[in-house]
Amino acid sequence: MVCETRRNNSYGQAGELSALLWVTMGGFIWLTLCSGHAVNTQQLLKR
């Protein structure tokens, strides 16, 4: 029982870290896409 709980805890920490990493990467990619889209829109408006 103790071993099972300990394993779940360590796995939970790893899961939280990977989730945080994915959220950070996703946010960075989303910002890059949004900023790139904004630049493209400005260039189109200038024409």
C-alpha atoms as a PDB file:
ATOM      1  CA  MET A   1       0.000   0.000   0.000  1.00  0.00           C
ATOM      2  CA  VAL A   2       2.761   2.436   0.913  1.00  0.00           C
ATOM      3  CA  CYS A   3       4.780   1.520  -2.172  1.00  0.00           C
ATOM      4  CA  GLU A   4       1.716   2.024  -4.358  1.00  0.00           C
ATOM      5  CA  THR A   5       1.078   5.479  -2.879  1.00  0.00           C
ATOM      6  CA  ARG A   6       4.717   6.456  -3.216  1.00  0.00           C
ATOM      7  CA  ARG A   7       4.782   5.381  -6.857  1.00  0.00           C
ATOM      8  CA  ASN A   8       1.607   7.331  -7.573  1.00  0.00           C
ATOM      9  CA  ASN A   9       3.071  10.429  -5.928  1.00  0.00           C
ATOM     10  CA  SER A  10       6.289  10.310  -7.942  1.00  0.00           C
ATOM     11  CA  TYR A  11       4.282   9.711 -11.112  1.00  0.00           C
ATOM     12  CA  GLY A  12       1.985  12.610 -10.207  1.00  0.00           C
ATOM     13  CA  GLN A  13       4.949  14.953  -9.844  1.00  0.00           C
ATOM     14  CA  ALA A  14       6.345  13.841 -13.209  1.00  0.00           C
ATOM     15  CA  GLY A  15       2.897  14.269 -14.751  1.00  0.00           C
ATOM     16  CA  GLU A  16       2.624  17.795 -13.357  1.00  0.00           C
ATOM     17  CA  LEU A  17       6.085  18.668 -14.691  1.00  0.00           C
ATOM     18  CA  SER A  18       5.310  17.332 -18.168  1.00  0.00           C
ATOM     19  CA  ALA A  19       1.921  19.085 -18.134  1.00  0.00           C
ATOM     20  CA  LEU A  20       3.588  22.345 -17.133  1.00  0.00           C
ATOM     21  CA  LEU A  21       6.147  21.865 -19.901  1.00  0.00           C
ATOM     22  CA  TRP A  22       3.411  21.238 -22.466  1.00  0.00           C
ATOM     23  CA  VAL A  23       1.460  24.308 -21.303  1.00  0.00           C
ATOM     24  CA  THR A  24       4.592  26.464 -21.523  1.00  0.00           C
ATOM     25  CA  MET A  25       5.476  25.137 -24.983  1.00  0.00           C
ATOM     26  CA  GLY A  26       1.892  25.499 -26.157  1.00  0.00           C
ATOM     27  CA  GLY A  27       1.714  29.079 -24.906  1.00  0.00           C
ATOM     28  CA  PHE A  28       5.020  29.937 -26.575  1.00  0.00           C
ATOM     29  CA  ILE A  29       3.910  28.415 -29.890  1.00  0.00           C
ATOM     30  CA  TRP A  30       0.539  30.174 -29.602  1.00  0.00           C
ATOM     31  CA  LEU A  31       2.263  33.528 -28.987  1.00  0.00           C
ATOM     32  CA  THR A  32       4.595  32.947 -31.939  1.00  0.00           C
ATOM     33  CA  LEU A  33       1.684  32.109 -34.233  1.00  0.00           C
ATOM     34  CA  CYS A  34      -0.346  35.095 -33.013  1.00  0.00           C
ATOM     35  CA  SER A  35       2.550  37.536 -33.398  1.00  0.00           C
ATOM     36  CA  GLY A  36       3.350  36.113 -36.851  1.00  0.00           C
ATOM     37  CA  HIS A  37      -0.324  36.377 -37.838  1.00  0.00           C
ATOM     38  CA  ALA A  38      -0.426  39.984 -36.605  1.00  0.00           C
ATOM     39  CA  VAL A  39       2.651  40.836 -38.704  1.00  0.00           C
ATOM     40  CA  ASN A  40       1.087  39.206 -41.778  1.00  0.00           C
ATOM     41  CA  THR A  41      -2.142  41.140 -41.200  1.00  0.00           C
ATOM     42  CA  GLN A  42      -0.252  44.432 -40.912  1.00  0.00           C
ATOM     43  CA  GLN A  43       1.622  43.723 -44.150  1.00  0.00           C
ATOM     44  CA  LEU A  44      -1.662  42.930 -45.905  1.00  0.00           C
ATOM     45  CA  LEU A  45      -3.239  46.142 -44.582  1.00  0.00           C
ATOM     46  CA  LYS A  46      -0.269  48.212 -45.794  1.00  0.00           C
ATOM     47  CA  ARG A  47      -0.954  47.063 -49.346  1.00  0.00           C
END
